[in-house]
């Protein structure tokens, strides 16, 4: 009877350990999925921005520091604080 109890206890412990490993793996997979979904949303927003003329122009201006012909740079200088 003691041998049967020991074997049942051992198999129960093995099932418990496998359950813990599976739960840890599931949490990691869910975290990865959430990260991938966030990246997907960001990529979709970038794609939408590039589908418009204004979005393409904005990206080019930011990346290459270009201006349209006739545009000039304006430098705003803050006033000196009164003493």
PDB file of N, CA and C in Angstrom:
ATOM      1  N   UNK A   1       0.830  -1.187   0.000  1.00  0.00           N
ATOM      2  CA  UNK A   1       0.000   0.000   0.000  1.00  0.00           C
ATOM      3  C   UNK A   1       0.879   1.256   0.000  1.00  0.00           C
ATOM      4  N   UNK A   2       1.961   1.231   0.735  1.00  0.00           N
ATOM      5  CA  UNK A   2       2.881   2.369   0.811  1.00  0.00           C
ATOM      6  C   UNK A   2       3.531   2.631  -0.548  1.00  0.00           C
ATOM      7  N   UNK A   3       3.835   1.569  -1.274  1.00  0.00           N
ATOM      8  CA  UNK A   3       4.444   1.711  -2.593  1.00  0.00           C
ATOM      9  C   UNK A   3       3.462   2.378  -3.558  1.00  0.00           C
ATOM     10  N   UNK A   4       2.212   2.002  -3.507  1.00  0.00           N
ATOM     11  CA  UNK A   4       1.187   2.588  -4.383  1.00  0.00           C
ATOM     12  C   UNK A   4       1.034   4.073  -4.072  1.00  0.00           C
ATOM     13  N   UNK A   5       1.009   4.421  -2.803  1.00  0.00           N
ATOM     14  CA  UNK A   5       0.893   5.828  -2.395  1.00  0.00           C
ATOM     15  C   UNK A   5       2.109   6.613  -2.873  1.00  0.00           C
ATOM     16  N   UNK A   6       3.296   6.043  -2.755  1.00  0.00           N
ATOM     17  CA  UNK A   6       4.517   6.712  -3.201  1.00  0.00           C
ATOM     18  C   UNK A   6       4.477   6.937  -4.713  1.00  0.00           C
ATOM     19  N   UNK A   7       4.032   5.939  -5.480  1.00  0.00           N
ATOM     20  CA  UNK A   7       3.956   6.096  -6.929  1.00  0.00           C
ATOM     21  C   UNK A   7       2.925   7.149  -7.320  1.00  0.00           C
ATOM     22  N   UNK A   8       1.784   7.156  -6.659  1.00  0.00           N
ATOM     23  CA  UNK A   8       0.767   8.173  -6.936  1.00  0.00           C
ATOM     24  C   UNK A   8       1.267   9.568  -6.571  1.00  0.00           C
ATOM     25  N   UNK A   9       1.962   9.668  -5.453  1.00  0.00           N
ATOM     26  CA  UNK A   9       2.523  10.954  -5.033  1.00  0.00           C
ATOM     27  C   UNK A   9       3.560  11.463  -6.033  1.00  0.00           C
ATOM     28  N   UNK A  10       4.379  10.543  -6.506  1.00  0.00           N
ATOM     29  CA  UNK A  10       5.423  10.917  -7.470  1.00  0.00           C
ATOM     30  C   UNK A  10       4.792  11.394  -8.785  1.00  0.00           C
ATOM     31  N   UNK A  11       3.805  10.692  -9.276  1.00  0.00           N
ATOM     32  CA  UNK A  11       3.165  11.100 -10.536  1.00  0.00           C
ATOM     33  C   UNK A  11       2.394  12.410 -10.361  1.00  0.00           C
ATOM     34  N   UNK A  12       1.795  12.598  -9.186  1.00  0.00           N
ATOM     35  CA  UNK A  12       1.094  13.845  -8.914  1.00  0.00           C
ATOM     36  C   UNK A  12       2.079  15.008  -8.890  1.00  0.00           C
ATOM     37  N   UNK A  13       3.228  14.791  -8.246  1.00  0.00           N
ATOM     38  CA  UNK A  13       4.258  15.844  -8.199  1.00  0.00           C
ATOM     39  C   UNK A  13       4.779  16.164  -9.611  1.00  0.00           C
ATOM     40  N   UNK A  14       4.953  15.159 -10.412  1.00  0.00           N
ATOM     41  CA  UNK A  14       5.395  15.369 -11.793  1.00  0.00           C
ATOM     42  C   UNK A  14       4.385  16.192 -12.588  1.00  0.00           C
ATOM     43  N   UNK A  15       3.109  15.890 -12.408  1.00  0.00           N
ATOM     44  CA  UNK A  15       2.058  16.655 -13.089  1.00  0.00           C
ATOM     45  C   UNK A  15       2.042  18.101 -12.604  1.00  0.00           C
ATOM     46  N   UNK A  16       2.261  18.314 -11.307  1.00  0.00           N
ATOM     47  CA  UNK A  16       2.317  19.661 -10.744  1.00  0.00           C
ATOM     48  C   UNK A  16       3.473  20.451 -11.356  1.00  0.00           C
ATOM     49  N   UNK A  17       4.646  19.838 -11.453  1.00  0.00           N
ATOM     50  CA  UNK A  17       5.808  20.518 -12.027  1.00  0.00           C
ATOM     51  C   UNK A  17       5.566  20.884 -13.494  1.00  0.00           C
ATOM     52  N   UNK A  18       4.968  19.972 -14.238  1.00  0.00           N
ATOM     53  CA  UNK A  18       4.667  20.250 -15.645  1.00  0.00           C
ATOM     54  C   UNK A  18       3.664  21.396 -15.763  1.00  0.00           C
ATOM     55  N   UNK A  19       2.709  21.436 -14.854  1.00  0.00           N
ATOM     56  CA  UNK A  19       1.729  22.514 -14.847  1.00  0.00           C
ATOM     57  C   UNK A  19       2.408  23.855 -14.594  1.00  0.00           C
ATOM     58  N   UNK A  20       3.335  23.893 -13.658  1.00  0.00           N
ATOM     59  CA  UNK A  20       4.055  25.131 -13.360  1.00  0.00           C
ATOM     60  C   UNK A  20       4.893  25.594 -14.548  1.00  0.00           C
ATOM     61  N   UNK A  21       5.554  24.662 -15.196  1.00  0.00           N
ATOM     62  CA  UNK A  21       6.366  24.993 -16.368  1.00  0.00           C
ATOM     63  C   UNK A  21       5.472  25.528 -17.484  1.00  0.00           C
ATOM     64  N   UNK A  22       4.337  24.894 -17.687  1.00  0.00           N
ATOM     65  CA  UNK A  22       3.399  25.331 -18.720  1.00  0.00           C
ATOM     66  C   UNK A  22       2.845  26.715 -18.412  1.00  0.00           C
ATOM     67  N   UNK A  23       2.540  26.973 -17.163  1.00  0.00           N
ATOM     68  CA  UNK A  23       2.007  28.283 -16.781  1.00  0.00           C
ATOM     69  C   UNK A  23       3.046  29.377 -17.025  1.00  0.00           C
ATOM     70  N   UNK A  24       4.299  29.099 -16.704  1.00  0.00           N
ATOM     71  CA  UNK A  24       5.367  30.072 -16.931  1.00  0.00           C
ATOM     72  C   UNK A  24       5.546  30.327 -18.421  1.00  0.00           C
ATOM     73  N   UNK A  25       5.529  29.270 -19.207  1.00  0.00           N
ATOM     74  CA  UNK A  25       5.673  29.419 -20.654  1.00  0.00           C
ATOM     75  C   UNK A  25       4.493  30.193 -21.242  1.00  0.00           C
ATOM     76  N   UNK A  26       3.306  29.956 -20.709  1.00  0.00           N
ATOM     77  CA  UNK A  26       2.122  30.662 -21.213  1.00  0.00           C
ATOM     78  C   UNK A  26       2.215  32.152 -20.914  1.00  0.00           C
ATOM     79  N   UNK A  27       2.650  32.513 -19.701  1.00  0.00           N
ATOM     80  CA  UNK A  27       2.797  33.924 -19.357  1.00  0.00           C
ATOM     81  C   UNK A  27       3.811  34.604 -20.283  1.00  0.00           C
ATOM     82  N   UNK A  28       4.912  33.922 -20.558  1.00  0.00           N
ATOM     83  CA  UNK A  28       5.931  34.479 -21.454  1.00  0.00           C
ATOM     84  C   UNK A  28       5.373  34.641 -22.865  1.00  0.00           C
ATOM     85  N   UNK A  29       4.622  33.666 -23.337  1.00  0.00           N
ATOM     86  CA  UNK A  29       4.031  33.738 -24.678  1.00  0.00           C
ATOM     87  C   UNK A  29       3.000  34.866 -24.757  1.00  0.00           C
ATOM     88  N   UNK A  30       2.214  35.059 -23.701  1.00  0.00           N
ATOM     89  CA  UNK A  30       1.234  36.135 -23.693  1.00  0.00           C
ATOM     90  C   UNK A  30       1.915  37.501 -23.696  1.00  0.00           C
ATOM     91  N   UNK A  31       3.023  37.628 -22.971  1.00  0.00           N
ATOM     92  CA  UNK A  31       3.769  38.882 -22.967  1.00  0.00           C
ATOM     93  C   UNK A  31       4.348  39.159 -24.357  1.00  0.00           C
ATOM     94  N   UNK A  32       4.877  38.137 -25.007  1.00  0.00           N
ATOM     95  CA  UNK A  32       5.403  38.284 -26.365  1.00  0.00           C
ATOM     96  C   UNK A  32       4.293  38.685 -27.336  1.00  0.00           C
ATOM     97  N   UNK A  33       3.136  38.072 -27.186  1.00  0.00           N
ATOM     98  CA  UNK A  33       2.005  38.388 -28.047  1.00  0.00           C
ATOM     99  C   UNK A  33       1.584  39.846 -27.872  1.00  0.00           C
ATOM    100  N   UNK A  34       1.516  40.314 -26.640  1.00  0.00           N
ATOM    101  CA  UNK A  34       1.134  41.704 -26.385  1.00  0.00           C
ATOM    102  C   UNK A  34       2.140  42.663 -27.018  1.00  0.00           C
ATOM    103  N   UNK A  35       3.418  42.342 -26.904  1.00  0.00           N
ATOM    104  CA  UNK A  35       4.456  43.186 -27.504  1.00  0.00           C
ATOM    105  C   UNK A  35       4.335  43.198 -29.029  1.00  0.00           C
ATOM    106  N   UNK A  36       4.098  42.049 -29.608  1.00  0.00           N
ATOM    107  CA  UNK A  36       3.955  41.968 -31.063  1.00  0.00           C
ATOM    108  C   UNK A  36       2.710  42.715 -31.551  1.00  0.00           C
ATOM    109  N   UNK A  37       1.629  42.643 -30.790  1.00  0.00           N
ATOM    110  CA  UNK A  37       0.421  43.365 -31.177  1.00  0.00           C
ATOM    111  C   UNK A  37       0.647  44.871 -31.110  1.00  0.00           C
ATOM    112  N   UNK A  38       1.398  45.338 -30.111  1.00  0.00           N
ATOM    113  CA  UNK A  38       1.716  46.767 -30.013  1.00  0.00           C
ATOM    114  C   UNK A  38       2.582  47.197 -31.198  1.00  0.00           C
ATOM    115  N   UNK A  39       3.553  46.374 -31.561  1.00  0.00           N
ATOM    116  CA  UNK A  39       4.399  46.684 -32.711  1.00  0.00           C
ATOM    117  C   UNK A  39       3.573  46.698 -33.999  1.00  0.00           C
ATOM    118  N   UNK A  40       2.613  45.785 -34.106  1.00  0.00           N
ATOM    119  CA  UNK A  40       1.756  45.728 -35.285  1.00  0.00           C
ATOM    120  C   UNK A  40       0.950  47.012 -35.414  1.00  0.00           C
ATOM    121  N   UNK A  41       0.394  47.488 -34.301  1.00  0.00           N
ATOM    122  CA  UNK A  41      -0.380  48.724 -34.321  1.00  0.00           C
ATOM    123  C   UNK A  41       0.494  49.901 -34.746  1.00  0.00           C
ATOM    124  N   UNK A  42       1.704  49.967 -34.211  1.00  0.00           N
ATOM    125  CA  UNK A  42       2.609  51.055 -34.569  1.00  0.00           C
ATOM    126  C   UNK A  42       2.956  51.005 -36.054  1.00  0.00           C
ATOM    127  N   UNK A  43       3.175  49.813 -36.569  1.00  0.00           N
ATOM    128  CA  UNK A  43       3.494  49.659 -37.989  1.00  0.00           C
ATOM    129  C   UNK A  43       2.298  50.063 -38.858  1.00  0.00           C
ATOM    130  N   UNK A  44       1.099  49.676 -38.449  1.00  0.00           N
ATOM    131  CA  UNK A  44      -0.098  50.040 -39.208  1.00  0.00           C
ATOM    132  C   UNK A  44      -0.293  51.550 -39.231  1.00  0.00           C
ATOM    133  N   UNK A  45       0.002  52.225 -38.116  1.00  0.00           N
ATOM    134  CA  UNK A  45      -0.106  53.683 -38.080  1.00  0.00           C
ATOM    135  C   UNK A  45       0.936  54.317 -38.996  1.00  0.00           C
ATOM    136  N   UNK A  46       2.135  53.756 -39.023  1.00  0.00           N
ATOM    137  CA  UNK A  46       3.170  54.271 -39.920  1.00  0.00           C
ATOM    138  C   UNK A  46       2.755  54.097 -41.371  1.00  0.00           C
ATOM    139  N   UNK A  47       2.177  52.959 -41.681  1.00  0.00           N
ATOM    140  CA  UNK A  47       1.725  52.700 -43.051  1.00  0.00           C
ATOM    141  C   UNK A  47       0.649  53.696 -43.447  1.00  0.00           C
ATOM    142  N   UNK A  48      -0.293  53.956 -42.545  1.00  0.00           N
ATOM    143  CA  UNK A  48      -1.345  54.930 -42.836  1.00  0.00           C
ATOM    144  C   UNK A  48      -0.753  56.311 -43.083  1.00  0.00           C
ATOM    145  N   UNK A  49       0.256  56.679 -42.293  1.00  0.00           N
ATOM    146  CA  UNK A  49       0.879  57.991 -42.464  1.00  0.00           C
ATOM    147  C   UNK A  49       1.559  58.101 -43.820  1.00  0.00           C
ATOM    148  N   UNK A  50       2.171  57.037 -44.297  1.00  0.00           N
ATOM    149  CA  UNK A  50       2.867  57.061 -45.576  1.00  0.00           C
ATOM    150  C   UNK A  50       1.916  56.978 -46.763  1.00  0.00           C
ATOM    151  N   UNK A  51       0.660  56.712 -46.527  1.00  0.00           N
ATOM    152  CA  UNK A  51      -0.295  56.628 -47.626  1.00  0.00           C
ATOM    153  C   UNK A  51      -0.848  57.994 -48.008  1.00  0.00           C
ATOM    154  N   UNK A  52      -0.521  59.020 -47.243  1.00  0.00           N
ATOM    155  CA  UNK A  52      -0.990  60.363 -47.575  1.00  0.00           C
ATOM    156  C   UNK A  52       0.193  61.222 -48.021  1.00  0.00           C
ATOM    157  N   UNK A  53      -0.112  62.216 -48.805  1.00  0.00           N
ATOM    158  CA  UNK A  53       0.922  63.126 -49.316  1.00  0.00           C
ATOM    159  C   UNK A  53       1.616  63.854 -48.160  1.00  0.00           C
ATOM    160  N   UNK A  54       0.818  64.304 -47.197  1.00  0.00           N
ATOM    161  CA  UNK A  54       1.382  65.022 -46.056  1.00  0.00           C
ATOM    162  C   UNK A  54       2.280  64.143 -45.205  1.00  0.00           C
ATOM    163  N   UNK A  55       1.911  62.891 -45.041  1.00  0.00           N
ATOM    164  CA  UNK A  55       2.724  61.978 -44.247  1.00  0.00           C
ATOM    165  C   UNK A  55       4.063  61.698 -44.894  1.00  0.00           C
ATOM    166  N   UNK A  56       4.049  61.542 -46.215  1.00  0.00           N
ATOM    167  CA  UNK A  56       5.304  61.302 -46.931  1.00  0.00           C
ATOM    168  C   UNK A  56       6.199  62.530 -46.825  1.00  0.00           C
ATOM    169  N   UNK A  57       5.601  63.709 -47.019  1.00  0.00           N
ATOM    170  CA  UNK A  57       6.382  64.948 -46.936  1.00  0.00           C
ATOM    171  C   UNK A  57       6.981  65.126 -45.543  1.00  0.00           C
ATOM    172  N   UNK A  58       6.198  64.853 -44.523  1.00  0.00           N
ATOM    173  CA  UNK A  58       6.680  64.995 -43.149  1.00  0.00           C
ATOM    174  C   UNK A  58       7.861  64.060 -42.885  1.00  0.00           C
ATOM    175  N   UNK A  59       7.753  62.821 -43.342  1.00  0.00           N
ATOM    176  CA  UNK A  59       8.831  61.854 -43.135  1.00  0.00           C
ATOM    177  C   UNK A  59      10.103  62.284 -43.863  1.00  0.00           C
ATOM    178  N   UNK A  60       9.959  62.767 -45.082  1.00  0.00           N
ATOM    179  CA  UNK A  60      11.128  63.216 -45.843  1.00  0.00           C
ATOM    180  C   UNK A  60      11.777  64.418 -45.172  1.00  0.00           C
ATOM    181  N   UNK A  61      10.965  65.367 -44.719  1.00  0.00           N
ATOM    182  CA  UNK A  61      11.509  66.566 -44.062  1.00  0.00           C
ATOM    183  C   UNK A  61      12.256  66.198 -42.776  1.00  0.00           C
ATOM    184  N   UNK A  62      11.725  65.252 -42.011  1.00  0.00           N
ATOM    185  CA  UNK A  62      12.379  64.863 -40.758  1.00  0.00           C
ATOM    186  C   UNK A  62      13.672  64.108 -41.011  1.00  0.00           C
ATOM    187  N   UNK A  63      13.650  63.230 -41.977  1.00  0.00           N
ATOM    188  CA  UNK A  63      14.808  62.375 -42.200  1.00  0.00           C
ATOM    189  C   UNK A  63      15.940  63.083 -42.925  1.00  0.00           C
ATOM    190  N   UNK A  64      15.601  63.908 -43.912  1.00  0.00           N
ATOM    191  CA  UNK A  64      16.635  64.494 -44.752  1.00  0.00           C
ATOM    192  C   UNK A  64      16.826  65.997 -44.556  1.00  0.00           C
ATOM    193  N   UNK A  65      16.054  66.638 -43.677  1.00  0.00           N
ATOM    194  CA  UNK A  65      16.188  68.066 -43.404  1.00  0.00           C
ATOM    195  C   UNK A  65      16.102  68.888 -44.694  1.00  0.00           C
ATOM    196  N   UNK A  66      15.044  68.704 -45.456  1.00  0.00           N
ATOM    197  CA  UNK A  66      14.858  69.427 -46.707  1.00  0.00           C
ATOM    198  C   UNK A  66      13.734  70.444 -46.559  1.00  0.00           C
ATOM    199  N   UNK A  67      13.722  71.430 -47.462  1.00  0.00           N
ATOM    200  CA  UNK A  67      12.666  72.439 -47.486  1.00  0.00           C
ATOM    201  C   UNK A  67      12.174  72.576 -48.917  1.00  0.00           C
ATOM    202  N   UNK A  68      11.009  73.148 -49.062  1.00  0.00           N
ATOM    203  CA  UNK A  68      10.465  73.420 -50.391  1.00  0.00           C
ATOM    204  C   UNK A  68      11.142  74.665 -50.943  1.00  0.00           C
ATOM    205  N   UNK A  69      11.179  74.789 -52.263  1.00  0.00           N
ATOM    206  CA  UNK A  69      11.746  76.009 -52.848  1.00  0.00           C
ATOM    207  C   UNK A  69      10.981  77.236 -52.364  1.00  0.00           C
ATOM    208  N   UNK A  70      11.704  78.241 -51.942  1.00  0.00           N
ATOM    209  CA  UNK A  70      11.093  79.476 -51.469  1.00  0.00           C
ATOM    210  C   UNK A  70      10.877  79.518 -49.967  1.00  0.00           C
ATOM    211  N   UNK A  71      11.013  78.409 -49.290  1.00  0.00           N
ATOM    212  CA  UNK A  71      10.873  78.410 -47.832  1.00  0.00           C
ATOM    213  C   UNK A  71      12.157  78.932 -47.200  1.00  0.00           C
ATOM    214  N   UNK A  72      11.991  79.612 -46.087  1.00  0.00           N
ATOM    215  CA  UNK A  72      13.148  80.134 -45.366  1.00  0.00           C
ATOM    216  C   UNK A  72      13.082  79.677 -43.914  1.00  0.00           C
ATOM    217  N   UNK A  73      14.225  79.671 -43.266  1.00  0.00           N
ATOM    218  CA  UNK A  73      14.285  79.253 -41.870  1.00  0.00           C
ATOM    219  C   UNK A  73      14.037  80.463 -40.974  1.00  0.00           C
ATOM    220  N   UNK A  74      13.251  80.261 -39.948  1.00  0.00           N
ATOM    221  CA  UNK A  74      12.976  81.305 -38.973  1.00  0.00           C
ATOM    222  C   UNK A  74      13.557  80.845 -37.647  1.00  0.00           C
ATOM    223  N   UNK A  75      14.327  81.725 -37.024  1.00  0.00           N
ATOM    224  CA  UNK A  75      14.909  81.413 -35.726  1.00  0.00           C
ATOM    225  C   UNK A  75      14.218  82.293 -34.693  1.00  0.00           C
ATOM    226  N   UNK A  76      13.608  81.676 -33.722  1.00  0.00           N
ATOM    227  CA  UNK A  76      12.928  82.396 -32.659  1.00  0.00           C
ATOM    228  C   UNK A  76      13.892  82.527 -31.492  1.00  0.00           C
ATOM    229  N   UNK A  77      14.205  83.788 -31.141  1.00  0.00           N
ATOM    230  CA  UNK A  77      15.135  84.048 -30.041  1.00  0.00           C
ATOM    231  C   UNK A  77      14.310  84.534 -28.864  1.00  0.00           C
ATOM    232  N   UNK A  78      14.422  83.868 -27.718  1.00  0.00           N
ATOM    233  CA  UNK A  78      13.630  84.316 -26.566  1.00  0.00           C
ATOM    234  C   UNK A  78      14.127  85.663 -26.059  1.00  0.00           C
ATOM    235  N   UNK A  79      13.175  86.427 -25.505  1.00  0.00           N
ATOM    236  CA  UNK A  79      13.536  87.731 -24.941  1.00  0.00           C
ATOM    237  C   UNK A  79      14.401  87.521 -23.709  1.00  0.00           C
ATOM    238  N   UNK A  80      15.232  88.514 -23.444  1.00  0.00           N
ATOM    239  CA  UNK A  80      16.033  88.454 -22.223  1.00  0.00           C
ATOM    240  C   UNK A  80      15.114  88.779 -21.055  1.00  0.00           C
ATOM    241  N   UNK A  81      15.195  87.987 -19.996  1.00  0.00           N
ATOM    242  CA  UNK A  81      14.320  88.280 -18.843  1.00  0.00           C
ATOM    243  C   UNK A  81      14.717  89.606 -18.200  1.00  0.00           C
ATOM    244  N   UNK A  82      13.730  90.384 -17.750  1.00  0.00           N
ATOM    245  CA  UNK A  82      14.057  91.679 -17.101  1.00  0.00           C
ATOM    246  C   UNK A  82      14.796  91.446 -15.783  1.00  0.00           C
ATOM    247  N   UNK A  83      15.716  92.384 -15.516  1.00  0.00           N
ATOM    248  CA  UNK A  83      16.520  92.265 -14.283  1.00  0.00           C
ATOM    249  C   UNK A  83      15.959  93.065 -13.168  1.00  0.00           C
TER     250      UNK A  83
END
